[in-house]
Amino acid sequence: MRVSFLRKLLAVELLALMISLAATAADKPLQIYSIDTEGGQATLIVSPTGQSLLIDTGWPGFDYRDADRIVAAAKLAGVSEMNYVIITHFHRDHVGGVAQLVDRIKVGMFIDHGPNMEDSDVTREDYAAYQKVIAKIPHRTVTPGDTIPVSGLEVEVLTANGEHIAAPLKGAGQDNPFCASEPVWPADPSENSRSLGVLVSFGKFRFIDLGDLTKQKEFALVCPRNLVGTVDLYLATHHGFDQSNSKAIVDALHPRVAIMNNGAKKGGSPEAWQTVHDSPGLEDLWQSHYSIEGGPSHNEPEKFIANPEGMSDGNYFKVIAQKDGAFAVLNSRTGETKMYAKKQ
């Protein structure tokens, strides 16, 4: 790992310690790191008790770039191993970094949706590489309705292997008025439609990550009834591609804040960006990269972007959340933090 990169992260984190989300709270917060894998996914969740859950591992290659960024985030969060690693699906930008990750840090258990079902040589290749790793490390396949036992958090499996939860979560189940205007979306035969999606809850705070779930499966999860309810933080599905992020699901989830883990030339599609940006009740949209496709009219102001146009330094977002629903988002590039008030 480049020493200068880690020093930069440490300097930013020292500044973050002065934020006082926890100034009047005795309980330790939930930490979420949206790590820059430049168009892939790696989201590190650390519970108040110190247990860790990593969702996806980014790309292979690049001289261990993504694995090193994940390990750097783990060190900042104060964890020395990954208790659980979820693989949402078997595309290279999500599962490709597995072998390099286990070279860098201990993994307690891998969790996935079951065998690869995509008829693609590259996906078969990546799945075979993953199988070699899990032959030596505990592994679990989950189905919708299962939970993942991260101490101090509720982690519920919403979607997996093309299926979704059958019954609404507590407080959900209302008719979704946004379904009526939604087109009929085509079936998606790729691994994207089989994405393992989770809802992470910490008291009143709720965070949703649906991997690369595509529109037909999104629709089934919230139409005709919204089986999930509302969330505070929404990871824009599929890096902000317009094959995902249907209005029916984004508006029904009614997020207060969204993070789009796009790359400069991947994701951040204008249509999806606009849907998320216009979602009723959304306070802010944060982007991992400036989207070249989006251009001036479909990108947030620079302070909400971790890696602006022409920049790719691995800058990340850190979310600090409290049980009462208050949370903050730190942009590691600027060192600035924005606070979001607790729920009334």
Protein backbone atom coordinates (compact mmCIF):
# COMPACT_ATOMS: atom_id res chain seq x y z
CA MET A 1 0.00 0.00 0.00
CA ARG A 2 1.30 3.45 -0.79
CA VAL A 3 2.37 5.11 2.47
CA SER A 4 1.26 8.57 1.31
CA PHE A 5 -2.27 7.27 0.62
CA LEU A 6 -2.62 5.81 4.13
CA ARG A 7 -1.21 8.97 5.71
CA LYS A 8 -3.78 11.04 3.85
CA LEU A 9 -6.60 8.82 5.10
CA LEU A 10 -5.30 8.97 8.66
CA ALA A 11 -5.16 12.76 8.54
CA VAL A 12 -8.75 12.93 7.34
CA GLU A 13 -9.90 10.49 10.01
CA LEU A 14 -8.23 12.52 12.75
CA LEU A 15 -10.28 15.47 11.58
CA ALA A 16 -13.38 13.29 11.58
CA LEU A 17 -12.84 12.48 15.24
CA MET A 18 -13.66 16.07 16.01
CA ILE A 19 -17.11 15.75 14.52
CA SER A 20 -19.47 15.35 17.29
CA LEU A 21 -22.23 13.10 16.33
CA ALA A 22 -21.35 11.19 19.46
CA ALA A 23 -20.75 14.22 21.64
CA THR A 24 -23.95 13.74 23.62
CA ALA A 25 -24.34 10.01 23.09
CA ALA A 26 -22.74 7.29 25.20
CA ASP A 27 -23.31 4.60 22.56
CA LYS A 28 -20.73 3.99 19.88
CA PRO A 29 -21.93 4.72 16.34
CA LEU A 30 -22.33 2.59 13.26
CA GLN A 31 -19.61 3.25 10.66
CA ILE A 32 -20.05 2.77 6.91
CA TYR A 33 -17.19 3.29 4.45
CA SER A 34 -18.09 3.63 0.77
CA ILE A 35 -14.67 2.69 -0.62
CA ASP A 36 -13.67 3.86 -4.08
CA THR A 37 -13.09 0.87 -6.36
CA GLU A 38 -13.56 3.01 -9.47
CA GLY A 39 -16.81 1.62 -10.76
CA GLY A 40 -16.99 -1.52 -8.61
CA GLN A 41 -18.29 -1.98 -5.10
CA ALA A 42 -16.70 -2.34 -1.68
CA THR A 43 -18.79 -1.10 1.25
CA LEU A 44 -17.40 -1.68 4.74
CA ILE A 45 -19.86 -1.70 7.64
CA VAL A 46 -18.55 -1.72 11.20
CA SER A 47 -21.01 -2.21 14.05
CA PRO A 48 -20.80 -0.37 17.37
CA THR A 49 -19.43 -3.58 18.91
CA GLY A 50 -16.60 -3.71 16.38
CA GLN A 51 -17.85 -6.51 14.13
CA SER A 52 -17.30 -5.98 10.42
CA LEU A 53 -19.32 -6.72 7.29
CA LEU A 54 -17.85 -6.05 3.86
CA ILE A 55 -20.18 -5.96 0.86
CA ASP A 56 -18.21 -6.93 -2.27
CA THR A 57 -14.49 -6.73 -2.94
CA GLY A 58 -13.99 -4.58 -6.03
CA TRP A 59 -11.82 -5.47 -9.01
CA PRO A 60 -8.85 -7.82 -9.33
CA GLY A 61 -5.45 -6.62 -10.52
CA PHE A 62 -4.24 -3.02 -10.42
CA ASP A 63 -1.38 -4.05 -8.11
CA TYR A 64 -3.80 -4.86 -5.23
CA ARG A 65 -5.37 -1.40 -5.48
CA ASP A 66 -8.86 -2.32 -4.26
CA ALA A 67 -7.74 -4.79 -1.60
CA ASP A 68 -5.35 -2.19 -0.22
CA ARG A 69 -8.06 0.46 -0.11
CA ILE A 70 -10.36 -1.94 1.75
CA VAL A 71 -7.63 -2.78 4.27
CA ALA A 72 -6.86 0.92 4.73
CA ALA A 73 -10.52 1.57 5.56
CA ALA A 74 -10.54 -1.38 7.97
CA LYS A 75 -7.55 0.06 9.82
CA LEU A 76 -9.24 3.44 10.08
CA ALA A 77 -12.37 1.74 11.43
CA GLY A 78 -10.32 -0.15 14.02
CA VAL A 79 -10.90 -3.68 12.72
CA SER A 80 -8.25 -6.28 11.92
CA GLU A 81 -10.43 -8.82 10.12
CA MET A 82 -13.60 -9.08 8.09
CA ASN A 83 -16.08 -11.10 10.12
CA TYR A 84 -18.40 -11.41 7.11
CA VAL A 85 -17.97 -10.70 3.41
CA ILE A 86 -21.09 -10.60 1.25
CA ILE A 87 -20.69 -11.19 -2.46
CA THR A 88 -23.78 -9.68 -4.03
CA HIS A 89 -23.23 -11.43 -7.39
CA PHE A 90 -20.44 -12.85 -9.51
CA HIS A 91 -19.49 -9.99 -11.82
CA ARG A 92 -15.82 -9.04 -11.81
CA ASP A 93 -16.26 -5.57 -10.28
CA HIS A 94 -17.89 -7.17 -7.22
CA VAL A 95 -16.22 -10.58 -6.74
CA GLY A 96 -12.97 -10.08 -8.64
CA GLY A 97 -11.02 -8.81 -5.64
CA VAL A 98 -11.70 -11.82 -3.39
CA ALA A 99 -8.35 -13.59 -3.85
CA GLN A 100 -6.36 -10.40 -3.26
CA LEU A 101 -8.48 -9.49 -0.24
CA VAL A 102 -7.75 -12.76 1.58
CA ASP A 103 -4.06 -12.19 0.92
CA ARG A 104 -4.30 -8.92 2.82
CA ILE A 105 -6.75 -9.57 5.69
CA LYS A 106 -8.43 -12.44 7.51
CA VAL A 107 -12.02 -13.25 6.48
CA GLY A 108 -14.32 -15.11 8.86
CA MET A 109 -17.06 -16.11 6.42
CA PHE A 110 -18.16 -15.49 2.85
CA ILE A 111 -21.88 -15.13 2.10
CA ASP A 112 -23.50 -15.35 -1.35
CA HIS A 113 -26.75 -16.15 -3.20
CA GLY A 114 -25.69 -19.60 -4.44
CA PRO A 115 -23.99 -20.79 -7.65
CA ASN A 116 -23.40 -18.59 -10.68
CA MET A 117 -26.26 -18.92 -13.17
CA GLU A 118 -25.02 -16.58 -15.91
CA ASP A 119 -24.05 -18.02 -19.28
CA SER A 120 -20.85 -16.00 -19.70
CA ASP A 121 -17.24 -17.14 -19.92
CA VAL A 122 -15.88 -14.25 -17.88
CA THR A 123 -18.45 -14.76 -15.12
CA ARG A 124 -17.73 -18.50 -15.02
CA GLU A 125 -14.03 -17.66 -14.73
CA ASP A 126 -14.59 -15.27 -11.83
CA TYR A 127 -16.92 -17.70 -10.07
CA ALA A 128 -14.33 -20.48 -10.39
CA ALA A 129 -11.71 -18.22 -8.78
CA TYR A 130 -14.15 -17.45 -5.96
CA GLN A 131 -14.84 -21.16 -5.41
CA LYS A 132 -11.13 -21.80 -4.90
CA VAL A 133 -11.07 -19.24 -2.11
CA ILE A 134 -14.22 -20.41 -0.31
CA ALA A 135 -12.95 -24.00 -0.34
CA LYS A 136 -10.64 -22.90 2.49
CA ILE A 137 -12.86 -20.39 4.31
CA PRO A 138 -16.32 -20.85 5.89
CA HIS A 139 -19.12 -20.06 3.46
CA ARG A 140 -22.88 -19.63 3.65
CA THR A 141 -25.60 -19.32 1.03
CA VAL A 142 -28.59 -17.17 2.06
CA THR A 143 -32.12 -16.70 0.84
CA PRO A 144 -34.57 -13.78 1.23
CA GLY A 145 -35.77 -13.50 4.81
CA ASP A 146 -32.50 -14.74 6.29
CA THR A 147 -30.47 -12.59 8.66
CA ILE A 148 -26.73 -12.13 9.04
CA PRO A 149 -25.66 -12.09 12.71
CA VAL A 150 -23.54 -8.94 12.89
CA SER A 151 -23.38 -8.01 16.56
CA GLY A 152 -25.15 -4.73 17.33
CA LEU A 153 -26.98 -4.53 13.99
CA GLU A 154 -29.93 -6.05 12.17
CA VAL A 155 -28.91 -7.27 8.72
CA GLU A 156 -31.84 -8.66 6.73
CA VAL A 157 -31.57 -10.34 3.33
CA LEU A 158 -34.14 -8.79 0.99
CA THR A 159 -33.20 -10.34 -2.36
CA ALA A 160 -31.07 -13.27 -3.49
CA ASN A 161 -30.84 -15.52 -6.55
CA GLY A 162 -33.71 -13.75 -8.31
CA GLU A 163 -36.12 -14.01 -5.37
CA HIS A 164 -37.29 -11.47 -2.81
CA ILE A 165 -38.84 -11.43 0.66
CA ALA A 166 -42.39 -12.78 0.67
CA ALA A 167 -43.78 -10.68 3.53
CA PRO A 168 -43.33 -7.00 4.32
CA LEU A 169 -40.81 -5.94 6.93
CA LYS A 170 -42.08 -4.45 10.17
CA GLY A 171 -43.91 -1.19 9.44
CA ALA A 172 -43.92 -1.78 5.67
CA GLY A 173 -46.47 -3.30 3.29
CA GLN A 174 -48.33 -0.19 2.18
CA ASP A 175 -49.61 0.13 -1.39
CA ASN A 176 -47.01 1.85 -3.57
CA PRO A 177 -48.52 4.72 -5.59
CA PHE A 178 -45.44 4.90 -7.83
CA CYS A 179 -46.10 1.46 -9.38
CA ALA A 180 -48.92 2.53 -11.68
CA SER A 181 -46.76 4.66 -13.94
CA GLU A 182 -43.88 2.18 -14.13
CA PRO A 183 -43.25 0.46 -17.50
CA VAL A 184 -43.10 -3.34 -17.77
CA TRP A 185 -39.39 -4.06 -17.52
CA PRO A 186 -37.84 -7.01 -19.40
CA ALA A 187 -36.33 -10.03 -17.66
CA ASP A 188 -32.60 -9.83 -17.08
CA PRO A 189 -30.73 -13.16 -17.51
CA SER A 190 -27.49 -11.83 -16.04
CA GLU A 191 -26.10 -12.16 -12.52
CA ASN A 192 -27.29 -8.62 -11.81
CA SER A 193 -30.88 -9.82 -11.38
CA ARG A 194 -29.71 -12.37 -8.81
CA SER A 195 -28.02 -9.77 -6.62
CA LEU A 196 -28.01 -10.38 -2.88
CA GLY A 197 -29.55 -7.25 -1.38
CA VAL A 198 -29.60 -6.32 2.31
CA LEU A 199 -31.15 -3.85 4.70
CA VAL A 200 -28.89 -2.82 7.59
CA SER A 201 -30.67 -1.33 10.60
CA PHE A 202 -29.19 0.35 13.68
CA GLY A 203 -31.99 1.62 15.88
CA LYS A 204 -33.93 4.10 13.73
CA PHE A 205 -31.20 4.30 11.07
CA ARG A 206 -31.69 2.16 7.92
CA PHE A 207 -29.27 1.57 5.04
CA ILE A 208 -30.10 -0.40 1.89
CA ASP A 209 -27.70 -2.01 -0.59
CA LEU A 210 -29.21 -4.04 -3.46
CA GLY A 211 -26.00 -4.72 -5.38
CA ASP A 212 -26.72 -4.47 -9.11
CA LEU A 213 -30.37 -5.52 -8.95
CA THR A 214 -32.14 -4.56 -12.18
CA LYS A 215 -35.54 -2.94 -12.72
CA GLN A 216 -37.80 -5.99 -13.07
CA LYS A 217 -36.59 -7.34 -9.71
CA GLU A 218 -36.68 -3.90 -8.09
CA PHE A 219 -40.32 -3.60 -9.17
CA ALA A 220 -41.22 -6.97 -7.64
CA LEU A 221 -39.75 -5.90 -4.30
CA VAL A 222 -41.90 -2.78 -3.96
CA CYS A 223 -44.93 -3.34 -6.21
CA PRO A 224 -47.83 -3.46 -5.74
CA ARG A 225 -46.87 -3.15 -2.06
CA ASN A 226 -43.64 -1.71 -0.71
CA LEU A 227 -42.22 -4.64 1.24
CA VAL A 228 -39.24 -2.67 2.57
CA GLY A 229 -40.52 0.68 3.83
CA THR A 230 -38.37 3.81 3.87
CA VAL A 231 -34.62 4.21 4.40
CA ASP A 232 -32.21 6.89 5.53
CA LEU A 233 -29.31 5.97 3.26
CA TYR A 234 -29.64 4.48 -0.22
CA LEU A 235 -26.67 3.09 -2.11
CA ALA A 236 -27.72 3.88 -5.67
CA THR A 237 -28.14 0.46 -7.24
CA HIS A 238 -25.81 -0.77 -9.98
CA HIS A 239 -23.42 2.22 -9.72
CA GLY A 240 -26.19 4.52 -10.94
CA PHE A 241 -26.87 2.77 -14.24
CA ASP A 242 -30.27 3.30 -15.82
CA GLN A 243 -30.91 -0.47 -16.00
CA SER A 244 -31.60 -0.03 -12.28
CA ASN A 245 -32.87 2.73 -9.98
CA SER A 246 -36.47 2.69 -11.19
CA LYS A 247 -38.66 5.51 -9.95
CA ALA A 248 -41.00 2.98 -8.32
CA ILE A 249 -38.31 1.78 -5.90
CA VAL A 250 -36.32 4.96 -5.35
CA ASP A 251 -39.36 7.10 -4.56
CA ALA A 252 -40.94 4.39 -2.42
CA LEU A 253 -37.77 3.96 -0.35
CA HIS A 254 -37.84 7.74 0.15
CA PRO A 255 -34.15 8.03 1.14
CA ARG A 256 -32.86 11.06 2.95
CA VAL A 257 -29.39 10.65 1.44
CA ALA A 258 -28.01 8.62 -1.46
CA ILE A 259 -24.47 7.56 -2.33
CA MET A 260 -23.68 6.65 -5.94
CA ASN A 261 -20.59 4.43 -6.22
CA ASN A 262 -20.01 5.23 -9.87
CA GLY A 263 -16.74 5.49 -11.75
CA ALA A 264 -15.74 8.35 -14.01
CA LYS A 265 -16.72 6.32 -17.08
CA LYS A 266 -19.01 3.74 -15.48
CA GLY A 267 -22.45 4.34 -14.01
CA GLY A 268 -23.79 7.75 -13.16
CA SER A 269 -26.17 7.54 -16.14
CA PRO A 270 -28.16 10.75 -16.63
CA GLU A 271 -31.56 9.01 -16.36
CA ALA A 272 -30.71 7.21 -13.12
CA TRP A 273 -28.96 10.27 -11.68
CA GLN A 274 -32.08 12.35 -12.34
CA THR A 275 -34.39 9.79 -10.73
CA VAL A 276 -32.32 9.67 -7.56
CA HIS A 277 -31.68 13.42 -7.53
CA ASP A 278 -35.42 14.16 -7.83
CA SER A 279 -36.59 11.60 -5.29
CA PRO A 280 -39.06 13.26 -2.89
CA GLY A 281 -37.46 13.96 0.46
CA LEU A 282 -33.88 13.47 -0.75
CA GLU A 283 -31.58 15.91 1.01
CA ASP A 284 -28.33 15.09 -0.78
CA LEU A 285 -26.78 12.83 -3.41
CA TRP A 286 -23.07 12.03 -2.99
CA GLN A 287 -21.02 10.64 -5.91
CA SER A 288 -17.80 8.62 -5.82
CA HIS A 289 -16.71 10.17 -9.12
CA TYR A 290 -17.69 12.93 -11.46
CA SER A 291 -19.62 11.18 -14.24
CA ILE A 292 -18.23 12.04 -17.66
CA GLU A 293 -21.45 10.82 -19.27
CA GLY A 294 -23.50 12.98 -16.93
CA GLY A 295 -21.69 16.18 -17.84
CA PRO A 296 -22.45 19.53 -16.18
CA SER A 297 -26.22 18.96 -15.96
CA HIS A 298 -26.12 15.52 -14.32
CA ASN A 299 -23.48 15.78 -11.62
CA GLU A 300 -23.70 17.16 -8.10
CA PRO A 301 -21.69 20.20 -6.99
CA GLU A 302 -18.03 19.31 -6.44
CA LYS A 303 -18.27 19.28 -2.63
CA PHE A 304 -20.53 16.21 -2.92
CA ILE A 305 -18.08 14.32 -5.16
CA ALA A 306 -15.20 12.30 -3.70
CA ASN A 307 -13.17 12.21 -6.91
CA PRO A 308 -13.91 15.19 -9.21
CA GLU A 309 -13.36 15.24 -12.96
CA GLY A 310 -9.88 14.05 -13.89
CA MET A 311 -9.17 12.83 -10.35
CA SER A 312 -8.85 9.23 -9.17
CA ASP A 313 -7.10 9.18 -5.81
CA GLY A 314 -9.25 6.65 -3.98
CA ASN A 315 -11.17 9.24 -1.98
CA TYR A 316 -14.09 7.72 -0.09
CA PHE A 317 -17.18 8.56 1.94
CA LYS A 318 -17.59 7.69 5.59
CA VAL A 319 -21.01 7.60 7.22
CA ILE A 320 -21.34 7.78 11.00
CA ALA A 321 -24.82 6.90 12.29
CA GLN A 322 -26.51 6.92 15.69
CA LYS A 323 -29.42 4.84 16.97
CA ASP A 324 -31.74 7.85 16.97
CA GLY A 325 -31.37 8.14 13.18
CA ALA A 326 -28.93 11.05 13.18
CA PHE A 327 -25.97 10.56 10.86
CA ALA A 328 -23.17 12.37 9.08
CA VAL A 329 -21.35 11.95 5.77
CA LEU A 330 -17.63 12.72 5.53
CA ASN A 331 -15.98 13.38 2.15
CA SER A 332 -12.38 12.23 2.63
CA ARG A 333 -11.14 14.47 -0.19
CA THR A 334 -12.25 17.69 1.45
CA GLY A 335 -12.29 16.58 5.08
CA GLU A 336 -15.71 18.21 5.38
CA THR A 337 -18.69 16.56 7.05
CA LYS A 338 -22.39 17.20 6.64
CA MET A 339 -24.77 16.35 9.47
CA TYR A 340 -28.31 14.97 9.12
CA ALA A 341 -30.63 15.43 12.09
CA LYS A 342 -32.14 12.64 14.15
CA LYS A 343 -35.63 11.41 13.37
CA GLN A 344 -38.47 13.02 15.25
